[in-house]
C-alpha atoms as a PDB file:
ATOM      1  CA  MET A   1     101.604 -21.182 -61.098  1.00  0.00           C
ATOM      2  CA  THR A   2     101.009 -18.599 -63.852  1.00  0.00           C
ATOM      3  CA  SER A   3     103.173 -20.535 -66.321  1.00  0.00           C
ATOM      4  CA  LYS A   4     101.128 -23.662 -65.708  1.00  0.00           C
ATOM      5  CA  LEU A   5      97.928 -21.751 -66.398  1.00  0.00           C
ATOM      6  CA  ASP A   6      99.526 -20.311 -69.545  1.00  0.00           C
ATOM      7  CA  GLN A   7     100.379 -23.822 -70.687  1.00  0.00           C
ATOM      8  CA  ILE A   8      96.798 -24.911 -70.135  1.00  0.00           C
ATOM      9  CA  GLU A   9      95.557 -21.898 -72.108  1.00  0.00           C
ATOM     10  CA  GLN A  10      97.987 -22.714 -74.927  1.00  0.00           C
ATOM     11  CA  ILE A  11      96.731 -26.297 -75.019  1.00  0.00           C
ATOM     12  CA  LEU A  12      93.163 -25.035 -75.159  1.00  0.00           C
ATOM     13  CA  ALA A  13      94.074 -22.567 -77.908  1.00  0.00           C
ATOM     14  CA  GLN A  14      95.725 -25.341 -79.928  1.00  0.00           C
ATOM     15  CA  THR A  15      92.650 -27.529 -79.443  1.00  0.00           C
ATOM     16  CA  ASP A  16      90.393 -24.662 -80.584  1.00  0.00           C
ATOM     17  CA  LEU A  17      92.594 -24.168 -83.664  1.00  0.00           C
ATOM     18  CA  GLN A  18      92.352 -27.874 -84.496  1.00  0.00           C
ATOM     19  CA  GLN A  19      88.581 -27.741 -84.095  1.00  0.00           C
ATOM     20  CA  GLN A  20      88.349 -24.713 -86.387  1.00  0.00           C
ATOM     21  CA  THR A  21      90.526 -26.389 -89.056  1.00  0.00           C
ATOM     22  CA  HIS A  22      88.419 -29.541 -88.868  1.00  0.00           C
ATOM     23  CA  ALA A  23      85.189 -27.501 -89.188  1.00  0.00           C
ATOM     24  CA  GLU A  24      86.563 -25.677 -92.255  1.00  0.00           C
ATOM     25  CA  LYS A  25      87.369 -28.992 -93.969  1.00  0.00           C
ATOM     26  CA  ILE A  26      83.849 -30.225 -93.285  1.00  0.00           C
ATOM     27  CA  ALA A  27      82.371 -26.929 -94.507  1.00  0.00           C
ATOM     28  CA  SER A  28      84.009 -27.426 -97.934  1.00  0.00           C
ATOM     29  CA  PHE A  29      81.625 -30.333 -98.583  1.00  0.00           C
ATOM     30  CA  GLU A  30      78.404 -28.500 -97.585  1.00  0.00           C
ATOM     31  CA  ALA A  31      77.528 -27.609-101.206  1.00  0.00           C
ATOM     32  CA  PHE A  32      76.909 -31.225-102.151  1.00  0.00           C
ATOM     33  CA  LEU A  33      76.388 -32.995 -98.781  1.00  0.00           C
ATOM     34  CA  ASP A  34      73.175 -31.324 -97.555  1.00  0.00           C
ATOM     35  CA  ARG A  35      71.733 -34.594 -96.278  1.00  0.00           C
ATOM     36  CA  PHE A  36      74.888 -35.692 -94.419  1.00  0.00           C
ATOM     37  CA  ALA A  37      76.659 -32.488 -93.291  1.00  0.00           C
ATOM     38  CA  GLU A  38      74.583 -31.777 -90.172  1.00  0.00           C
ATOM     39  CA  ALA A  39      74.880 -35.317 -88.773  1.00  0.00           C
ATOM     40  CA  THR A  40      78.626 -35.391 -89.492  1.00  0.00           C
ATOM     41  CA  GLU A  41      79.244 -31.968 -87.934  1.00  0.00           C
ATOM     42  CA  ARG A  42      77.307 -32.907 -84.795  1.00  0.00           C
ATOM     43  CA  ARG A  43      79.391 -36.064 -84.317  1.00  0.00           C
ATOM     44  CA  LEU A  44      82.696 -34.317 -84.914  1.00  0.00           C
ATOM     45  CA  ALA A  45      81.757 -31.356 -82.710  1.00  0.00           C
ATOM     46  CA  ALA A  46      80.710 -33.717 -79.910  1.00  0.00           C
ATOM     47  CA  ASN A  47      83.984 -35.632 -80.228  1.00  0.00           C
ATOM     48  CA  ASP A  48      86.018 -32.414 -80.157  1.00  0.00           C
ATOM     49  CA  ARG A  49      84.172 -31.085 -77.119  1.00  0.00           C
ATOM     50  CA  PHE A  50      84.586 -34.398 -75.301  1.00  0.00           C
ATOM     51  CA  ALA A  51      88.302 -34.536 -76.135  1.00  0.00           C
ATOM     52  CA  ALA A  52      88.837 -30.910 -75.083  1.00  0.00           C
ATOM     53  CA  GLU A  53      86.926 -31.421 -71.825  1.00  0.00           C
ATOM     54  CA  THR A  54      88.889 -34.597 -71.124  1.00  0.00           C
ATOM     55  CA  ASP A  55      92.194 -32.814 -71.747  1.00  0.00           C
ATOM     56  CA  LYS A  56      91.218 -30.014 -69.357  1.00  0.00           C
ATOM     57  CA  ARG A  57      90.197 -32.446 -66.629  1.00  0.00           C
ATOM     58  CA  LEU A  58      93.350 -34.527 -66.920  1.00  0.00           C
ATOM     59  CA  ALA A  59      95.604 -31.472 -67.075  1.00  0.00           C
ATOM     60  CA  ALA A  60      93.933 -29.944 -64.020  1.00  0.00           C
ATOM     61  CA  LEU A  61      94.212 -33.179 -62.036  1.00  0.00           C
ATOM     62  CA  GLU A  62      97.858 -33.756 -62.960  1.00  0.00           C
ATOM     63  CA  SER A  63      98.892 -30.199 -62.103  1.00  0.00           C
ATOM     64  CA  PHE A  64      96.790 -29.711 -58.959  1.00  0.00           C
ATOM     65  CA  THR A  65      99.169 -31.310 -56.447  1.00  0.00           C
ATOM     66  CA  GLU A  66     102.231 -29.840 -58.141  1.00  0.00           C
ATOM     67  CA  LYS A  67     100.771 -26.336 -58.153  1.00  0.00           C
ATOM     68  CA  MET A  68      99.773 -26.553 -54.496  1.00  0.00           C
ATOM     69  CA  ALA A  69     103.245 -27.746 -53.473  1.00  0.00           C
ATOM     70  CA  MET A  70     105.020 -25.127 -55.575  1.00  0.00           C
ATOM     71  CA  GLN A  71     102.736 -22.400 -54.290  1.00  0.00           C
ATOM     72  CA  GLN A  72     103.361 -23.352 -50.662  1.00  0.00           C
ATOM     73  CA  GLN A  73     107.108 -23.628 -51.215  1.00  0.00           C
ATOM     74  CA  ALA A  74     107.280 -20.270 -53.002  1.00  0.00           C
ATOM     75  CA  HIS A  75     105.228 -18.646 -50.247  1.00  0.00           C
ATOM     76  CA  GLU A  76     107.464 -20.004 -47.489  1.00  0.00           C
ATOM     77  CA  GLN A  77     110.637 -19.148 -49.399  1.00  0.00           C
ATOM     78  CA  ALA A  78     109.486 -15.587 -50.067  1.00  0.00           C
ATOM     79  CA  HIS A  79     108.745 -15.015 -46.386  1.00  0.00           C
ATOM     80  CA  ALA A  80     112.023 -16.627 -45.284  1.00  0.00           C
ATOM     81  CA  GLU A  81     114.021 -14.440 -47.668  1.00  0.00           C
ATOM     82  CA  ALA A  82     112.206 -11.306 -46.545  1.00  0.00           C
ATOM     83  CA  ILE A  83     112.861 -12.093 -42.870  1.00  0.00           C
ATOM     84  CA  ALA A  84     116.540 -12.855 -43.578  1.00  0.00           C
ATOM     85  CA  ARG A  85     117.007  -9.542 -45.397  1.00  0.00           C
ATOM     86  CA  ILE A  86     115.337  -7.644 -42.574  1.00  0.00           C
ATOM     87  CA  ASP A  87     117.443  -9.367 -39.885  1.00  0.00           C
ATOM     88  CA  ALA A  88     120.720  -8.776 -41.776  1.00  0.00           C
ATOM     89  CA  ARG A  89     120.177  -5.045 -42.299  1.00  0.00           C
ATOM     90  CA  LEU A  90     118.049  -4.070 -39.327  1.00  0.00           C
ATOM     91  CA  ASP A  91     120.792  -2.369 -37.259  1.00  0.00           C
ATOM     92  CA  ARG A  92     122.268  -0.271 -40.100  1.00  0.00           C
ATOM     93  CA  PHE A  93     119.277   0.316 -42.326  1.00  0.00           C
ATOM     94  CA  ALA A  94     116.205   0.962 -40.165  1.00  0.00           C
ATOM     95  CA  GLU A  95     114.481   3.165 -42.709  1.00  0.00           C
ATOM     96  CA  GLU A  96     115.250   0.746 -45.544  1.00  0.00           C
ATOM     97  CA  THR A  97     113.860  -2.067 -43.430  1.00  0.00           C
ATOM     98  CA  GLU A  98     110.598  -0.184 -42.898  1.00  0.00           C
ATOM     99  CA  ARG A  99     110.299   0.472 -46.620  1.00  0.00           C
ATOM    100  CA  ARG A 100     110.864  -3.204 -47.394  1.00  0.00           C
ATOM    101  CA  LEU A 101     108.349  -4.262 -44.755  1.00  0.00           C
ATOM    102  CA  ALA A 102     105.770  -2.006 -46.384  1.00  0.00           C
ATOM    103  CA  ALA A 103     106.607  -3.505 -49.773  1.00  0.00           C
ATOM    104  CA  ASN A 104     106.346  -6.994 -48.284  1.00  0.00           C
ATOM    105  CA  ASP A 105     102.928  -6.129 -46.876  1.00  0.00           C
ATOM    106  CA  ARG A 106     101.776  -5.104 -50.329  1.00  0.00           C
ATOM    107  CA  VAL A 107     103.215  -8.281 -51.832  1.00  0.00           C
ATOM    108  CA  ALA A 108     101.527 -10.378 -49.136  1.00  0.00           C
ATOM    109  CA  ALA A 109      98.191  -8.664 -49.787  1.00  0.00           C
ATOM    110  CA  GLU A 110      98.549  -9.221 -53.530  1.00  0.00           C
ATOM    111  CA  THR A 111      99.552 -12.840 -52.907  1.00  0.00           C
ATOM    112  CA  GLU A 112      96.501 -13.394 -50.708  1.00  0.00           C
ATOM    113  CA  ARG A 113      94.289 -11.813 -53.367  1.00  0.00           C
ATOM    114  CA  ARG A 114      95.744 -14.050 -56.057  1.00  0.00           C
ATOM    115  CA  VAL A 115      95.368 -17.119 -53.849  1.00  0.00           C
ATOM    116  CA  ALA A 116      91.732 -16.176 -53.220  1.00  0.00           C
ATOM    117  CA  ASP A 117      91.164 -15.735 -56.962  1.00  0.00           C
ATOM    118  CA  LEU A 118      92.788 -19.107 -57.608  1.00  0.00           C
ATOM    119  CA  GLU A 119      90.600 -20.798 -55.016  1.00  0.00           C
ATOM    120  CA  ILE A 120      87.486 -19.305 -56.631  1.00  0.00           C
ATOM    121  CA  ALA A 121      88.654 -20.385 -60.085  1.00  0.00           C
ATOM    122  CA  LEU A 122      89.355 -23.925 -58.851  1.00  0.00           C
ATOM    123  CA  LYS A 123      85.956 -24.092 -57.186  1.00  0.00           C
ATOM    124  CA  ASN A 124      84.197 -22.966 -60.358  1.00  0.00           C
ATOM    125  CA  PHE A 125      86.200 -25.466 -62.402  1.00  0.00           C
ATOM    126  CA  THR A 126      85.215 -28.394 -60.210  1.00  0.00           C
ATOM    127  CA  GLU A 127      81.542 -27.385 -60.403  1.00  0.00           C
ATOM    128  CA  GLN A 128      81.686 -27.129 -64.210  1.00  0.00           C
ATOM    129  CA  THR A 129      83.253 -30.599 -64.601  1.00  0.00           C
ATOM    130  CA  ASP A 130      80.331 -32.486 -63.032  1.00  0.00           C
ATOM    131  CA  ARG A 131      81.923 -32.112 -59.564  1.00  0.00           C
ATOM    132  CA  ARG A 132      84.260 -35.049 -60.293  1.00  0.00           C
ATOM    133  CA  LEU A 133      87.211 -33.182 -58.786  1.00  0.00           C
ATOM    134  CA  ALA A 134      85.400 -31.925 -55.667  1.00  0.00           C
ATOM    135  CA  GLY A 135      87.014 -34.641 -53.542  1.00  0.00           C
ATOM    136  CA  LEU A 136      90.444 -33.088 -54.150  1.00  0.00           C
ATOM    137  CA  GLU A 137      89.453 -29.928 -52.203  1.00  0.00           C
ATOM    138  CA  THR A 138      88.237 -31.752 -49.102  1.00  0.00           C
ATOM    139  CA  SER A 139      91.426 -33.536 -47.998  1.00  0.00           C
ATOM    140  CA  MET A 140      94.899 -34.366 -49.265  1.00  0.00           C
ATOM    141  CA  ASP A 141      94.676 -37.704 -47.407  1.00  0.00           C
ATOM    142  CA  ASN A 142      92.438 -39.292 -50.101  1.00  0.00           C
ATOM    143  CA  LEU A 143      94.553 -38.061 -53.018  1.00  0.00           C
ATOM    144  CA  SER A 144      96.175 -41.463 -53.666  1.00  0.00           C
ATOM    145  CA  ARG A 145      92.750 -43.125 -53.893  1.00  0.00           C
ATOM    146  CA  GLN A 146      91.548 -40.476 -56.313  1.00  0.00           C
ATOM    147  CA  VAL A 147      94.648 -40.972 -58.472  1.00  0.00           C
ATOM    148  CA  ASP A 148      93.775 -44.680 -58.761  1.00  0.00           C
ATOM    149  CA  ASN A 149      90.241 -43.780 -59.843  1.00  0.00           C
ATOM    150  CA  THR A 150      91.642 -41.312 -62.338  1.00  0.00           C
ATOM    151  CA  ALA A 151      93.877 -44.016 -63.844  1.00  0.00           C
ATOM    152  CA  ARG A 152      90.792 -46.087 -64.557  1.00  0.00           C
ATOM    153  CA  THR A 153      89.068 -43.024 -65.990  1.00  0.00           C
ATOM    154  CA  VAL A 154      92.063 -42.389 -68.273  1.00  0.00           C
ATOM    155  CA  ASP A 155      91.752 -45.938 -69.626  1.00  0.00           C
ATOM    156  CA  ALA A 156      88.059 -45.378 -70.325  1.00  0.00           C
ATOM    157  CA  VAL A 157      88.789 -42.037 -71.960  1.00  0.00           C
ATOM    158  CA  GLY A 158      91.444 -43.646 -74.132  1.00  0.00           C
ATOM    159  CA  LEU A 159      88.940 -46.250 -75.296  1.00  0.00           C
ATOM    160  CA  THR A 160      86.357 -43.551 -75.973  1.00  0.00           C
ATOM    161  CA  LEU A 161      88.861 -41.497 -77.965  1.00  0.00           C
ATOM    162  CA  GLU A 162      89.793 -44.577 -79.987  1.00  0.00           C
ATOM    163  CA  ASN A 163      86.114 -45.143 -80.719  1.00  0.00           C
ATOM    164  CA  SER A 164      85.763 -41.477 -81.706  1.00  0.00           C
ATOM    165  CA  ILE A 165      88.733 -41.766 -84.072  1.00  0.00           C
ATOM    166  CA  ARG A 166      87.259 -44.901 -85.628  1.00  0.00           C
ATOM    167  CA  GLN A 167      83.915 -43.084 -86.035  1.00  0.00           C
ATOM    168  CA  ALA A 168      85.677 -40.133 -87.677  1.00  0.00           C
ATOM    169  CA  ASP A 169      87.442 -42.551 -90.053  1.00  0.00           C
ATOM    170  CA  ARG A 170      84.111 -44.118 -90.955  1.00  0.00           C
ATOM    171  CA  ASP A 171      82.637 -40.651 -91.548  1.00  0.00           C
ATOM    172  CA  ARG A 172      85.537 -39.704 -93.817  1.00  0.00           C
ATOM    173  CA  ALA A 173      85.121 -42.961 -95.746  1.00  0.00           C
ATOM    174  CA  GLN A 174      81.400 -42.223 -96.169  1.00  0.00           C
ATOM    175  CA  ILE A 175      82.214 -38.723 -97.451  1.00  0.00           C
ATOM    176  CA  ASN A 176      84.709 -40.180 -99.942  1.00  0.00           C
ATOM    177  CA  ARG A 177      82.134 -42.675-101.190  1.00  0.00           C
ATOM    178  CA  ILE A 178      79.577 -39.877-101.650  1.00  0.00           C
ATOM    179  CA  TRP A 179      82.136 -37.759-103.471  1.00  0.00           C
ATOM    180  CA  GLU A 180      83.011 -40.629-105.810  1.00  0.00           C
ATOM    181  CA  TYR A 181      79.306 -41.268-106.439  1.00  0.00           C
ATOM    182  CA  LEU A 182      78.696 -37.596-107.261  1.00  0.00           C
ATOM    183  CA  MET A 183      81.713 -37.568-109.575  1.00  0.00           C
ATOM    184  CA  ARG A 184      80.289 -40.559-111.448  1.00  0.00           C
ATOM    185  CA  GLN A 185      76.871 -38.864-111.693  1.00  0.00           C
ATOM    186  CA  THR A 186      78.301 -35.579-113.049  1.00  0.00           C
ATOM    187  CA  PRO A 187      78.518 -35.379-116.868  1.00  0.00           C
ATOM    188  CA  ASN A 188      82.002 -35.156-118.441  1.00  0.00           C
ATOM    189  CA  GLY A 189      83.643 -35.769-115.063  1.00  0.00           C
ATOM    190  CA  ASP A 190      83.132 -32.151-113.961  1.00  0.00           C
ATOM    191  CA  SER A 191      83.184 -31.282-110.292  1.00  0.00           C
ATOM    192  CA  PRO A 192      79.659 -31.460-108.822  1.00  0.00           C
ATOM    193  CA  THR A 193      80.243 -28.047-107.321  1.00  0.00           C
ATOM    194  CA  SER A 194      81.048 -26.366-110.695  1.00  0.00           C
END
């Protein structure tokens, strides 16, 4: 469960790094694009936020069922192993068994605390994403129907991302045309920023 969350955080960190790199490239034109920089930055920032939010929603949906199954399996396996160890050594190691039971109690309490924290985090996440994932918490019976809806959403997101990429290409072409115009307007072919 923790490794999955780490992977999500790494994806988010990589997305943030890409956003920062993109913003730095745009910032290099601010000296001579005062009339166009704000509109371009708003579009690119909106596209990046939409893409990042979409990635988080899809990643959370894809990993939700897997995390729940793995968590339940790990919980059952941990308890089964603890009971087996206690049964095997009970007659010869009474004191050791008591110590392990105490340790198991602490582990169980920590596990319950972590599960409670995870439930709170999942609840907050669903509220922050326009409550589109709230149906997943109500019942596992409607999961297959929600997956179908998500497939349609993925198609729409793909189309939106394609449109965003085309818009970014048009913005870059506009910037290149402005740069070429400024180069033609600058005496002796000097850089307009010099």
